[in-house]
Amino acid sequence: MRQVLYALVPAVAAHVWYFGPGILFQLLLAVGFAVGLEAAMLKLRDRPLGPFLSDYSAVVTGVLFALCMPPLAPWWIAAVGMVFAIVVAKHLYGGLGYNLFNPAMVGFAAVIIAFPLELSQWLLPRQLSPGIPGFLETAQAIFTGALPDSTRLDAVTGATPLDELRTGVTENLAISEIRDAPIFGDFGGLGWEWIANFYALGGFYLLWRRVISWHVPVAVIATTIVVSTPLWLLGPDTHPSPLQHIFSGALVLGAFFIATDPVSGCSTMRGKLVFGAGVAILTLVIRRWGGYPDGVAFAILLMNMAAPLTDRLTRPRTYGHRRAGR
């Protein structure tokens, strides 16, 4: 768990650079609520606090949840999200090792469904913003719901690149016209593509340390490329390019840090490949036809449901036994 936290540091630093210190507040809030609720549930279940709090699983859940939050999201969003993540998705299923669903994604899904307005107010990247809120302004916005009079909220917030794409497609605009907006960078969203690069850098670190295996990340990214490339070549004005899909939203974060969860994912090698491919396909489907601009969280939760059956169908042959039907 600590290695996962170390691997996320570069992306957090990039997030602060492009969007200000709001992510630091979200991290502190989510981790604080996660650890507090973890301790409360362990106490209610008459479990020892030390071994379970020191495994950092609650901290990782809070961090992954916070990385999906807008920098100026109200403080109570983190509280509600962690109730669903720690209490509902984790402890009501029996605690660490027994949860069917990824806790951080359950928390995110709960708040984005319940509070879509609060989760739509993303800051513009530093290059486009008339002023990134500082620490005091950020704290005031998170804890009181308003920025100082000197900083207008509607002047520093805007749609994410995926929101912009979705809105433009519904208005029958060509992808080339949509990408003329300054919010887009070379491949994905301005700023977002660099954050995705740092997520990938952290993911390679986890691969090097053998914290995760290559199967899920490769399956997610390769399937995204394989499925989206023909659509893009056939209709470049209606389908985003593969690089646009990869470097926008939470795809890289999901591929390396969330879909690789050993508890809620698959355990067999072939199962991990199927799991990653399913996450990629469902993400593309939700982005194109679903009700939300980015479908990574919902794709992972749907594949969590399919993980037990996937493992059962992809079990390796026991050494010394013939394959079924032979």
C-alpha atoms as a PDB file:
ATOM      1  CA  MET A   1       0.000   0.000   0.000  1.00  0.00           C
ATOM      2  CA  ARG A   2       2.838   2.391   0.764  1.00  0.00           C
ATOM      3  CA  GLN A   3       4.381   1.705  -2.638  1.00  0.00           C
ATOM      4  CA  VAL A   4       1.096   2.711  -4.268  1.00  0.00           C
ATOM      5  CA  LEU A   5       1.139   5.978  -2.321  1.00  0.00           C
ATOM      6  CA  TYR A   6       4.736   6.656  -3.371  1.00  0.00           C
ATOM      7  CA  ALA A   7       3.832   5.987  -7.008  1.00  0.00           C
ATOM      8  CA  LEU A   8       1.064   8.597  -6.907  1.00  0.00           C
ATOM      9  CA  VAL A   9       3.282  11.445  -5.681  1.00  0.00           C
ATOM     10  CA  PRO A  10       4.399  12.681  -9.157  1.00  0.00           C
ATOM     11  CA  ALA A  11       0.812  12.869 -10.414  1.00  0.00           C
ATOM     12  CA  VAL A  12      -0.307  14.731  -7.278  1.00  0.00           C
ATOM     13  CA  ALA A  13       2.518  17.232  -7.782  1.00  0.00           C
ATOM     14  CA  ALA A  14       1.480  17.735 -11.411  1.00  0.00           C
ATOM     15  CA  HIS A  15      -2.137  18.172 -10.296  1.00  0.00           C
ATOM     16  CA  VAL A  16      -1.087  20.919  -7.875  1.00  0.00           C
ATOM     17  CA  TRP A  17       0.914  22.663 -10.583  1.00  0.00           C
ATOM     18  CA  TYR A  18      -1.866  22.698 -13.161  1.00  0.00           C
ATOM     19  CA  PHE A  19      -4.926  23.142 -10.919  1.00  0.00           C
ATOM     20  CA  GLY A  20      -3.722  24.586  -7.637  1.00  0.00           C
ATOM     21  CA  PRO A  21      -3.631  23.269  -4.057  1.00  0.00           C
ATOM     22  CA  GLY A  22      -7.246  22.078  -3.978  1.00  0.00           C
ATOM     23  CA  ILE A  23      -6.196  18.464  -4.511  1.00  0.00           C
ATOM     24  CA  LEU A  24      -4.162  18.617  -1.290  1.00  0.00           C
ATOM     25  CA  PHE A  25      -7.255  19.623   0.675  1.00  0.00           C
ATOM     26  CA  GLN A  26      -9.255  16.840  -0.967  1.00  0.00           C
ATOM     27  CA  LEU A  27      -6.546  14.323  -0.073  1.00  0.00           C
ATOM     28  CA  LEU A  28      -6.468  15.418   3.571  1.00  0.00           C
ATOM     29  CA  LEU A  29     -10.262  15.352   3.851  1.00  0.00           C
ATOM     30  CA  ALA A  30     -10.735  11.971   2.186  1.00  0.00           C
ATOM     31  CA  VAL A  31      -7.885  10.301   4.058  1.00  0.00           C
ATOM     32  CA  GLY A  32      -9.013  11.793   7.375  1.00  0.00           C
ATOM     33  CA  PHE A  33     -12.593  10.597   6.946  1.00  0.00           C
ATOM     34  CA  ALA A  34     -11.409   7.213   5.654  1.00  0.00           C
ATOM     35  CA  VAL A  35      -9.123   6.534   8.605  1.00  0.00           C
ATOM     36  CA  GLY A  36     -11.714   7.802  11.108  1.00  0.00           C
ATOM     37  CA  LEU A  37     -14.480   5.632   9.672  1.00  0.00           C
ATOM     38  CA  GLU A  38     -12.107   2.662   9.448  1.00  0.00           C
ATOM     39  CA  ALA A  39     -11.315   2.996  13.156  1.00  0.00           C
ATOM     40  CA  ALA A  40     -15.000   3.382  14.047  1.00  0.00           C
ATOM     41  CA  MET A  41     -16.015   0.280  12.087  1.00  0.00           C
ATOM     42  CA  LEU A  42     -13.166  -1.781  13.531  1.00  0.00           C
ATOM     43  CA  LYS A  43     -14.286  -0.748  16.991  1.00  0.00           C
ATOM     44  CA  LEU A  44     -17.892  -1.701  16.237  1.00  0.00           C
ATOM     45  CA  ARG A  45     -16.741  -5.073  14.893  1.00  0.00           C
ATOM     46  CA  ASP A  46     -14.499  -5.632  17.921  1.00  0.00           C
ATOM     47  CA  ARG A  47     -11.380  -5.842  15.778  1.00  0.00           C
ATOM     48  CA  PRO A  48      -7.915  -4.597  16.831  1.00  0.00           C
ATOM     49  CA  LEU A  49      -7.144  -1.136  15.477  1.00  0.00           C
ATOM     50  CA  GLY A  50      -3.373  -1.371  15.098  1.00  0.00           C
ATOM     51  CA  PRO A  51      -2.969  -4.117  12.471  1.00  0.00           C
ATOM     52  CA  PHE A  52      -5.787  -2.852  10.270  1.00  0.00           C
ATOM     53  CA  LEU A  53      -5.013   0.870  10.444  1.00  0.00           C
ATOM     54  CA  SER A  54      -1.325   0.265   9.787  1.00  0.00           C
ATOM     55  CA  ASP A  55      -1.945  -1.605   6.527  1.00  0.00           C
ATOM     56  CA  TYR A  56      -2.678   1.737   4.762  1.00  0.00           C
ATOM     57  CA  SER A  57      -5.654   0.296   2.864  1.00  0.00           C
ATOM     58  CA  ALA A  58      -7.980   3.044   4.148  1.00  0.00           C
ATOM     59  CA  VAL A  59      -5.390   5.676   3.216  1.00  0.00           C
ATOM     60  CA  VAL A  60      -5.124   4.328  -0.340  1.00  0.00           C
ATOM     61  CA  THR A  61      -8.928   4.319  -0.644  1.00  0.00           C
ATOM     62  CA  GLY A  62      -9.082   7.945   0.450  1.00  0.00           C
ATOM     63  CA  VAL A  63      -6.289   8.995  -1.900  1.00  0.00           C
ATOM     64  CA  LEU A  64      -7.799   7.283  -4.959  1.00  0.00           C
ATOM     65  CA  PHE A  65     -11.183   8.829  -4.184  1.00  0.00           C
ATOM     66  CA  ALA A  66      -9.683  12.308  -3.740  1.00  0.00           C
ATOM     67  CA  LEU A  67      -7.866  12.105  -7.080  1.00  0.00           C
ATOM     68  CA  CYS A  68     -11.275  11.850  -8.771  1.00  0.00           C
ATOM     69  CA  MET A  69     -12.656  14.944  -7.018  1.00  0.00           C
ATOM     70  CA  PRO A  70     -12.767  18.533  -8.346  1.00  0.00           C
ATOM     71  CA  PRO A  71     -10.240  20.642  -6.408  1.00  0.00           C
ATOM     72  CA  LEU A  72     -12.947  22.869  -4.920  1.00  0.00           C
ATOM     73  CA  ALA A  73     -15.487  20.148  -4.077  1.00  0.00           C
ATOM     74  CA  PRO A  74     -17.261  20.879  -0.739  1.00  0.00           C
ATOM     75  CA  TRP A  75     -15.785  19.144   2.301  1.00  0.00           C
ATOM     76  CA  TRP A  76     -18.884  17.043   2.898  1.00  0.00           C
ATOM     77  CA  ILE A  77     -18.459  15.323  -0.481  1.00  0.00           C
ATOM     78  CA  ALA A  78     -15.432  13.521   0.942  1.00  0.00           C
ATOM     79  CA  ALA A  79     -17.416  12.593   4.067  1.00  0.00           C
ATOM     80  CA  VAL A  80     -20.284  11.082   2.071  1.00  0.00           C
ATOM     81  CA  GLY A  81     -17.936   9.314  -0.331  1.00  0.00           C
ATOM     82  CA  MET A  82     -15.945   7.720   2.462  1.00  0.00           C
ATOM     83  CA  VAL A  83     -19.117   6.502   4.210  1.00  0.00           C
ATOM     84  CA  PHE A  84     -20.004   4.559   1.073  1.00  0.00           C
ATOM     85  CA  ALA A  85     -16.394   3.474   0.448  1.00  0.00           C
ATOM     86  CA  ILE A  86     -15.319   2.401   3.939  1.00  0.00           C
ATOM     87  CA  VAL A  87     -18.586   1.553   5.689  1.00  0.00           C
ATOM     88  CA  VAL A  88     -20.740   0.178   2.861  1.00  0.00           C
ATOM     89  CA  ALA A  89     -18.346  -1.201   0.246  1.00  0.00           C
ATOM     90  CA  LYS A  90     -15.660  -2.451   2.629  1.00  0.00           C
ATOM     91  CA  HIS A  91     -16.872  -3.302   6.137  1.00  0.00           C
ATOM     92  CA  LEU A  92     -20.451  -4.321   5.366  1.00  0.00           C
ATOM     93  CA  TYR A  93     -18.933  -6.914   3.037  1.00  0.00           C
ATOM     94  CA  GLY A  94     -16.626  -8.209   5.773  1.00  0.00           C
ATOM     95  CA  GLY A  95     -13.629  -5.881   5.640  1.00  0.00           C
ATOM     96  CA  LEU A  96     -10.392  -5.929   3.689  1.00  0.00           C
ATOM     97  CA  GLY A  97     -10.128  -8.995   1.486  1.00  0.00           C
ATOM     98  CA  TYR A  98     -13.877  -9.628   1.336  1.00  0.00           C
ATOM     99  CA  ASN A  99     -15.149  -6.599  -0.577  1.00  0.00           C
ATOM    100  CA  LEU A 100     -16.659  -7.403  -3.945  1.00  0.00           C
ATOM    101  CA  PHE A 101     -16.376  -3.842  -5.257  1.00  0.00           C
ATOM    102  CA  ASN A 102     -13.479  -1.413  -5.259  1.00  0.00           C
ATOM    103  CA  PRO A 103     -14.276   0.859  -2.272  1.00  0.00           C
ATOM    104  CA  ALA A 104     -12.902   4.077  -3.758  1.00  0.00           C
ATOM    105  CA  MET A 105     -14.989   3.645  -6.919  1.00  0.00           C
ATOM    106  CA  VAL A 106     -18.115   2.892  -4.882  1.00  0.00           C
ATOM    107  CA  GLY A 107     -17.589   6.153  -3.023  1.00  0.00           C
ATOM    108  CA  PHE A 108     -17.024   8.061  -6.255  1.00  0.00           C
ATOM    109  CA  ALA A 109     -20.056   6.513  -7.959  1.00  0.00           C
ATOM    110  CA  ALA A 110     -22.251   7.396  -4.986  1.00  0.00           C
ATOM    111  CA  VAL A 111     -21.310  11.076  -4.921  1.00  0.00           C
ATOM    112  CA  ILE A 112     -21.323  11.649  -8.679  1.00  0.00           C
ATOM    113  CA  ILE A 113     -24.837  10.196  -8.896  1.00  0.00           C
ATOM    114  CA  ALA A 114     -26.105  12.093  -5.859  1.00  0.00           C
ATOM    115  CA  PHE A 115     -24.296  15.408  -6.361  1.00  0.00           C
ATOM    116  CA  PRO A 116     -23.590  15.907 -10.086  1.00  0.00           C
ATOM    117  CA  LEU A 117     -23.516  19.727  -9.848  1.00  0.00           C
ATOM    118  CA  GLU A 118     -20.866  19.811  -7.131  1.00  0.00           C
ATOM    119  CA  LEU A 119     -18.717  17.367  -9.088  1.00  0.00           C
ATOM    120  CA  SER A 120     -18.941  19.336 -12.332  1.00  0.00           C
ATOM    121  CA  GLN A 121     -17.075  22.450 -11.155  1.00  0.00           C
ATOM    122  CA  TRP A 122     -13.549  21.673 -12.257  1.00  0.00           C
ATOM    123  CA  LEU A 123     -10.876  24.361 -12.313  1.00  0.00           C
ATOM    124  CA  LEU A 124      -9.395  25.448 -15.603  1.00  0.00           C
ATOM    125  CA  PRO A 125      -5.692  24.589 -16.002  1.00  0.00           C
ATOM    126  CA  ARG A 126      -3.179  27.229 -14.978  1.00  0.00           C
ATOM    127  CA  GLN A 127      -2.518  28.301 -18.579  1.00  0.00           C
ATOM    128  CA  LEU A 128      -6.184  29.217 -19.152  1.00  0.00           C
ATOM    129  CA  SER A 129      -7.267  30.417 -15.731  1.00  0.00           C
ATOM    130  CA  PRO A 130      -7.385  34.128 -14.846  1.00  0.00           C
ATOM    131  CA  GLY A 131      -6.229  33.127 -11.384  1.00  0.00           C
ATOM    132  CA  ILE A 132      -5.665  29.816  -9.603  1.00  0.00           C
ATOM    133  CA  PRO A 133      -7.052  30.105  -6.034  1.00  0.00           C
ATOM    134  CA  GLY A 134      -4.375  30.072  -3.334  1.00  0.00           C
ATOM    135  CA  PHE A 135      -4.430  28.073  -0.100  1.00  0.00           C
ATOM    136  CA  LEU A 136      -6.682  30.481   1.812  1.00  0.00           C
ATOM    137  CA  GLU A 137      -9.074  30.972  -1.089  1.00  0.00           C
ATOM    138  CA  THR A 138      -9.215  27.238  -1.695  1.00  0.00           C
ATOM    139  CA  ALA A 139      -9.940  26.521   1.963  1.00  0.00           C
ATOM    140  CA  GLN A 140     -12.693  29.138   1.990  1.00  0.00           C
ATOM    141  CA  ALA A 141     -14.295  27.651  -1.129  1.00  0.00           C
ATOM    142  CA  ILE A 142     -14.171  24.073   0.220  1.00  0.00           C
ATOM    143  CA  PHE A 143     -15.402  24.805   3.742  1.00  0.00           C
ATOM    144  CA  THR A 144     -17.819  27.701   3.098  1.00  0.00           C
ATOM    145  CA  GLY A 145     -18.849  27.153  -0.517  1.00  0.00           C
ATOM    146  CA  ALA A 146     -17.746  30.561  -1.784  1.00  0.00           C
ATOM    147  CA  LEU A 147     -14.572  32.187  -3.026  1.00  0.00           C
ATOM    148  CA  PRO A 148     -13.630  35.735  -1.955  1.00  0.00           C
ATOM    149  CA  ASP A 149     -15.210  38.603  -3.869  1.00  0.00           C
ATOM    150  CA  SER A 150     -11.903  39.219  -5.618  1.00  0.00           C
ATOM    151  CA  THR A 151     -12.089  35.821  -7.347  1.00  0.00           C
ATOM    152  CA  ARG A 152     -15.165  34.894  -9.332  1.00  0.00           C
ATOM    153  CA  LEU A 153     -15.888  31.157  -9.280  1.00  0.00           C
ATOM    154  CA  ASP A 154     -17.360  31.116 -12.782  1.00  0.00           C
ATOM    155  CA  ALA A 155     -14.182  32.721 -14.093  1.00  0.00           C
ATOM    156  CA  VAL A 156     -11.887  29.929 -12.939  1.00  0.00           C
ATOM    157  CA  THR A 157     -14.063  26.833 -13.439  1.00  0.00           C
ATOM    158  CA  GLY A 158     -15.145  25.135 -16.613  1.00  0.00           C
ATOM    159  CA  ALA A 159     -15.892  21.878 -18.374  1.00  0.00           C
ATOM    160  CA  THR A 160     -13.348  19.080 -18.504  1.00  0.00           C
ATOM    161  CA  PRO A 161     -12.081  17.962 -21.935  1.00  0.00           C
ATOM    162  CA  LEU A 162     -14.395  14.936 -21.841  1.00  0.00           C
ATOM    163  CA  ASP A 163     -17.347  17.184 -20.958  1.00  0.00           C
ATOM    164  CA  GLU A 164     -16.419  19.448 -23.851  1.00  0.00           C
ATOM    165  CA  LEU A 165     -16.219  16.493 -26.237  1.00  0.00           C
ATOM    166  CA  ARG A 166     -19.528  15.092 -25.097  1.00  0.00           C
ATOM    167  CA  THR A 167     -21.315  18.440 -25.396  1.00  0.00           C
ATOM    168  CA  GLY A 168     -19.829  19.114 -28.810  1.00  0.00           C
ATOM    169  CA  VAL A 169     -20.807  15.701 -30.180  1.00  0.00           C
ATOM    170  CA  THR A 170     -24.409  16.140 -28.975  1.00  0.00           C
ATOM    171  CA  GLU A 171     -24.452  19.482 -30.828  1.00  0.00           C
ATOM    172  CA  ASN A 172     -23.316  17.695 -34.024  1.00  0.00           C
ATOM    173  CA  LEU A 173     -19.934  19.406 -34.072  1.00  0.00           C
ATOM    174  CA  ALA A 174     -16.974  17.647 -35.667  1.00  0.00           C
ATOM    175  CA  ILE A 175     -14.191  16.425 -33.390  1.00  0.00           C
ATOM    176  CA  SER A 176     -11.760  18.737 -35.197  1.00  0.00           C
ATOM    177  CA  GLU A 177     -14.004  21.708 -34.384  1.00  0.00           C
ATOM    178  CA  ILE A 178     -14.358  20.667 -30.750  1.00  0.00           C
ATOM    179  CA  ARG A 179     -10.602  20.270 -30.357  1.00  0.00           C
ATOM    180  CA  ASP A 180     -10.046  23.854 -31.461  1.00  0.00           C
ATOM    181  CA  ALA A 181     -11.046  24.868 -27.931  1.00  0.00           C
ATOM    182  CA  PRO A 182      -8.031  25.968 -25.859  1.00  0.00           C
ATOM    183  CA  ILE A 183      -8.833  23.391 -23.168  1.00  0.00           C
ATOM    184  CA  PHE A 184      -7.328  20.668 -25.381  1.00  0.00           C
ATOM    185  CA  GLY A 185      -3.632  19.882 -25.577  1.00  0.00           C
ATOM    186  CA  ASP A 186      -1.600  17.839 -28.041  1.00  0.00           C
ATOM    187  CA  PHE A 187      -3.391  14.552 -27.340  1.00  0.00           C
ATOM    188  CA  GLY A 188      -5.878  14.933 -24.502  1.00  0.00           C
ATOM    189  CA  GLY A 189      -6.834  17.800 -22.252  1.00  0.00           C
ATOM    190  CA  LEU A 190      -4.415  20.626 -21.513  1.00  0.00           C
ATOM    191  CA  GLY A 191      -2.698  19.678 -18.272  1.00  0.00           C
ATOM    192  CA  TRP A 192      -4.615  16.415 -18.010  1.00  0.00           C
ATOM    193  CA  GLU A 193      -2.353  14.684 -20.515  1.00  0.00           C
ATOM    194  CA  TRP A 194       0.684  15.450 -18.339  1.00  0.00           C
ATOM    195  CA  ILE A 195      -1.092  14.202 -15.245  1.00  0.00           C
ATOM    196  CA  ALA A 196      -1.857  10.986 -17.164  1.00  0.00           C
ATOM    197  CA  ASN A 197       1.836  10.726 -18.049  1.00  0.00           C
ATOM    198  CA  PHE A 198       2.761  10.919 -14.369  1.00  0.00           C
ATOM    199  CA  TYR A 199       0.147   8.305 -13.502  1.00  0.00           C
ATOM    200  CA  ALA A 200       1.795   6.075 -16.098  1.00  0.00           C
ATOM    201  CA  LEU A 201       5.214   6.831 -14.592  1.00  0.00           C
ATOM    202  CA  GLY A 202       3.912   5.748 -11.181  1.00  0.00           C
ATOM    203  CA  GLY A 203       2.376   2.668 -12.772  1.00  0.00           C
ATOM    204  CA  PHE A 204       5.714   1.670 -14.314  1.00  0.00           C
ATOM    205  CA  TYR A 205       7.266   2.065 -10.874  1.00  0.00           C
ATOM    206  CA  LEU A 206       4.706  -0.380  -9.452  1.00  0.00           C
ATOM    207  CA  LEU A 207       5.455  -2.798 -12.285  1.00  0.00           C
ATOM    208  CA  TRP A 208       9.183  -2.500 -11.602  1.00  0.00           C
ATOM    209  CA  ARG A 209       8.625  -3.167  -7.904  1.00  0.00           C
ATOM    210  CA  ARG A 210       6.308  -6.080  -8.820  1.00  0.00           C
ATOM    211  CA  VAL A 211       3.489  -4.585  -6.786  1.00  0.00           C
ATOM    212  CA  ILE A 212       1.180  -5.143  -9.770  1.00  0.00           C
ATOM    213  CA  SER A 213       1.414  -7.361 -12.843  1.00  0.00           C
ATOM    214  CA  TRP A 214       1.368  -6.114 -16.420  1.00  0.00           C
ATOM    215  CA  HIS A 215      -1.805  -7.932 -17.440  1.00  0.00           C
ATOM    216  CA  VAL A 216      -4.514  -5.434 -16.435  1.00  0.00           C
ATOM    217  CA  PRO A 217      -2.780  -2.178 -17.499  1.00  0.00           C
ATOM    218  CA  VAL A 218      -1.731  -3.621 -20.849  1.00  0.00           C
ATOM    219  CA  ALA A 219      -5.202  -5.046 -21.442  1.00  0.00           C
ATOM    220  CA  VAL A 220      -6.890  -1.722 -20.618  1.00  0.00           C
ATOM    221  CA  ILE A 221      -4.645   0.438 -22.793  1.00  0.00           C
ATOM    222  CA  ALA A 222      -4.231  -2.049 -25.653  1.00  0.00           C
ATOM    223  CA  THR A 223      -7.977  -2.729 -25.856  1.00  0.00           C
ATOM    224  CA  THR A 224      -8.679   1.014 -25.845  1.00  0.00           C
ATOM    225  CA  ILE A 225      -6.339   1.424 -28.817  1.00  0.00           C
ATOM    226  CA  VAL A 226      -7.623  -1.639 -30.682  1.00  0.00           C
ATOM    227  CA  VAL A 227     -11.310  -0.733 -30.300  1.00  0.00           C
ATOM    228  CA  SER A 228     -11.091   3.045 -30.792  1.00  0.00           C
ATOM    229  CA  THR A 229      -8.623   3.121 -33.698  1.00  0.00           C
ATOM    230  CA  PRO A 230     -10.945   1.620 -36.380  1.00  0.00           C
ATOM    231  CA  LEU A 231     -13.801   3.887 -35.261  1.00  0.00           C
ATOM    232  CA  TRP A 232     -11.517   6.914 -35.423  1.00  0.00           C
ATOM    233  CA  LEU A 233     -10.189   5.965 -38.866  1.00  0.00           C
ATOM    234  CA  LEU A 234     -13.711   5.418 -40.210  1.00  0.00           C
ATOM    235  CA  GLY A 235     -15.201   8.535 -38.643  1.00  0.00           C
ATOM    236  CA  PRO A 236     -12.584  10.984 -37.338  1.00  0.00           C
ATOM    237  CA  ASP A 237     -15.189  13.727 -37.097  1.00  0.00           C
ATOM    238  CA  THR A 238     -17.449  11.715 -34.790  1.00  0.00           C
ATOM    239  CA  HIS A 239     -15.033   9.488 -32.828  1.00  0.00           C
ATOM    240  CA  PRO A 240     -12.076  10.710 -30.746  1.00  0.00           C
ATOM    241  CA  SER A 241      -8.627   9.356 -31.466  1.00  0.00           C
ATOM    242  CA  PRO A 242      -7.139   6.589 -29.286  1.00  0.00           C
ATOM    243  CA  LEU A 243      -4.690   9.079 -27.767  1.00  0.00           C
ATOM    244  CA  GLN A 244      -7.584  11.370 -26.868  1.00  0.00           C
ATOM    245  CA  HIS A 245      -9.205   8.516 -24.959  1.00  0.00           C
ATOM    246  CA  ILE A 246      -5.988   7.519 -23.191  1.00  0.00           C
ATOM    247  CA  PHE A 247      -4.843  10.994 -22.180  1.00  0.00           C
ATOM    248  CA  SER A 248      -8.223  12.289 -21.027  1.00  0.00           C
ATOM    249  CA  GLY A 249     -10.110  11.426 -17.884  1.00  0.00           C
ATOM    250  CA  ALA A 250      -9.114   8.675 -15.479  1.00  0.00           C
ATOM    251  CA  LEU A 251      -8.191   5.885 -17.911  1.00  0.00           C
ATOM    252  CA  VAL A 252      -4.491   5.704 -17.020  1.00  0.00           C
ATOM    253  CA  LEU A 253      -5.227   6.098 -13.299  1.00  0.00           C
ATOM    254  CA  GLY A 254      -7.774   3.307 -13.538  1.00  0.00           C
ATOM    255  CA  ALA A 255      -5.510   1.047 -15.574  1.00  0.00           C
ATOM    256  CA  PHE A 256      -2.551   1.119 -13.187  1.00  0.00           C
ATOM    257  CA  PHE A 257      -3.993   1.924  -9.766  1.00  0.00           C
ATOM    258  CA  ILE A 258      -7.659   0.910  -9.548  1.00  0.00           C
ATOM    259  CA  ALA A 259      -8.381  -1.972 -11.921  1.00  0.00           C
ATOM    260  CA  THR A 260      -5.282  -3.727 -10.536  1.00  0.00           C
ATOM    261  CA  ASP A 261      -6.876  -4.076  -7.082  1.00  0.00           C
ATOM    262  CA  PRO A 262      -6.144  -7.713  -6.152  1.00  0.00           C
ATOM    263  CA  VAL A 263      -9.281  -8.062  -4.010  1.00  0.00           C
ATOM    264  CA  SER A 264     -12.044  -6.785  -6.286  1.00  0.00           C
ATOM    265  CA  GLY A 265     -10.349  -7.775  -9.550  1.00  0.00           C
ATOM    266  CA  CYS A 266      -9.417 -11.113 -11.077  1.00  0.00           C
ATOM    267  CA  SER A 267      -6.674 -13.384  -9.791  1.00  0.00           C
ATOM    268  CA  THR A 268      -5.925 -15.634 -12.785  1.00  0.00           C
ATOM    269  CA  MET A 269      -3.611 -14.376 -15.524  1.00  0.00           C
ATOM    270  CA  ARG A 270      -6.168 -14.806 -18.296  1.00  0.00           C
ATOM    271  CA  GLY A 271      -8.834 -13.410 -16.025  1.00  0.00           C
ATOM    272  CA  LYS A 272      -6.815 -10.216 -15.548  1.00  0.00           C
ATOM    273  CA  LEU A 273      -6.571  -9.799 -19.312  1.00  0.00           C
ATOM    274  CA  VAL A 274     -10.331 -10.261 -19.661  1.00  0.00           C
ATOM    275  CA  PHE A 275     -10.945  -7.891 -16.749  1.00  0.00           C
ATOM    276  CA  GLY A 276      -8.773  -5.155 -18.252  1.00  0.00           C
ATOM    277  CA  ALA A 277     -10.308  -5.565 -21.699  1.00  0.00           C
ATOM    278  CA  GLY A 278     -13.783  -5.349 -20.190  1.00  0.00           C
ATOM    279  CA  VAL A 279     -12.902  -2.152 -18.325  1.00  0.00           C
ATOM    280  CA  ALA A 280     -11.657  -0.572 -21.562  1.00  0.00           C
ATOM    281  CA  ILE A 281     -14.681  -1.581 -23.648  1.00  0.00           C
ATOM    282  CA  LEU A 282     -17.198  -0.485 -21.027  1.00  0.00           C
ATOM    283  CA  THR A 283     -15.369   2.833 -20.576  1.00  0.00           C
ATOM    284  CA  LEU A 284     -15.557   3.534 -24.310  1.00  0.00           C
ATOM    285  CA  VAL A 285     -19.232   2.562 -24.410  1.00  0.00           C
ATOM    286  CA  ILE A 286     -20.120   4.821 -21.472  1.00  0.00           C
ATOM    287  CA  ARG A 287     -18.112   7.711 -22.875  1.00  0.00           C
ATOM    288  CA  ARG A 288     -19.913   7.437 -26.204  1.00  0.00           C
ATOM    289  CA  TRP A 289     -23.459   6.508 -25.214  1.00  0.00           C
ATOM    290  CA  GLY A 290     -23.694   6.657 -21.409  1.00  0.00           C
ATOM    291  CA  GLY A 291     -24.907   9.390 -19.122  1.00  0.00           C
ATOM    292  CA  TYR A 292     -21.467  10.442 -17.845  1.00  0.00           C
ATOM    293  CA  PRO A 293     -18.480  11.890 -19.734  1.00  0.00           C
ATOM    294  CA  ASP A 294     -15.987   9.447 -18.188  1.00  0.00           C
ATOM    295  CA  GLY A 295     -17.012   5.871 -17.524  1.00  0.00           C
ATOM    296  CA  VAL A 296     -13.887   4.434 -15.863  1.00  0.00           C
ATOM    297  CA  ALA A 297     -15.383   4.128 -12.365  1.00  0.00           C
ATOM    298  CA  PHE A 298     -18.598   2.514 -13.560  1.00  0.00           C
ATOM    299  CA  ALA A 299     -16.694   0.207 -15.916  1.00  0.00           C
ATOM    300  CA  ILE A 300     -14.523  -1.029 -13.054  1.00  0.00           C
ATOM    301  CA  LEU A 301     -17.531  -1.595 -10.794  1.00  0.00           C
ATOM    302  CA  LEU A 302     -19.334  -3.555 -13.517  1.00  0.00           C
ATOM    303  CA  MET A 303     -16.262  -5.716 -14.082  1.00  0.00           C
ATOM    304  CA  ASN A 304     -15.960  -6.214 -10.298  1.00  0.00           C
ATOM    305  CA  MET A 305     -19.319  -7.997 -10.500  1.00  0.00           C
ATOM    306  CA  ALA A 306     -18.028 -10.205 -13.299  1.00  0.00           C
ATOM    307  CA  ALA A 307     -14.670 -10.973 -11.648  1.00  0.00           C
ATOM    308  CA  PRO A 308     -15.706 -14.143  -9.730  1.00  0.00           C
ATOM    309  CA  LEU A 309     -17.234 -15.744 -12.831  1.00  0.00           C
ATOM    310  CA  THR A 310     -14.285 -14.622 -14.960  1.00  0.00           C
ATOM    311  CA  ASP A 311     -11.853 -16.274 -12.549  1.00  0.00           C
ATOM    312  CA  ARG A 312     -13.927 -19.446 -12.573  1.00  0.00           C
ATOM    313  CA  LEU A 313     -13.944 -19.618 -16.376  1.00  0.00           C
ATOM    314  CA  THR A 314     -10.232 -18.859 -16.726  1.00  0.00           C
ATOM    315  CA  ARG A 315      -8.806 -21.189 -14.089  1.00  0.00           C
ATOM    316  CA  PRO A 316      -5.545 -22.744 -15.253  1.00  0.00           C
ATOM    317  CA  ARG A 317      -5.433 -26.503 -15.673  1.00  0.00           C
ATOM    318  CA  THR A 318      -4.277 -28.273 -12.513  1.00  0.00           C
ATOM    319  CA  TYR A 319      -0.892 -29.860 -13.009  1.00  0.00           C
ATOM    320  CA  GLY A 320      -1.249 -33.586 -13.692  1.00  0.00           C
ATOM    321  CA  HIS A 321      -4.906 -33.385 -14.716  1.00  0.00           C
ATOM    322  CA  ARG A 322      -6.397 -33.366 -18.184  1.00  0.00           C
ATOM    323  CA  ARG A 323      -8.400 -30.434 -19.466  1.00  0.00           C
ATOM    324  CA  ALA A 324     -12.167 -30.633 -19.051  1.00  0.00           C
ATOM    325  CA  GLY A 325     -13.805 -32.766 -21.751  1.00  0.00           C
ATOM    326  CA  ARG A 326     -10.668 -34.807 -22.498  1.00  0.00           C
END
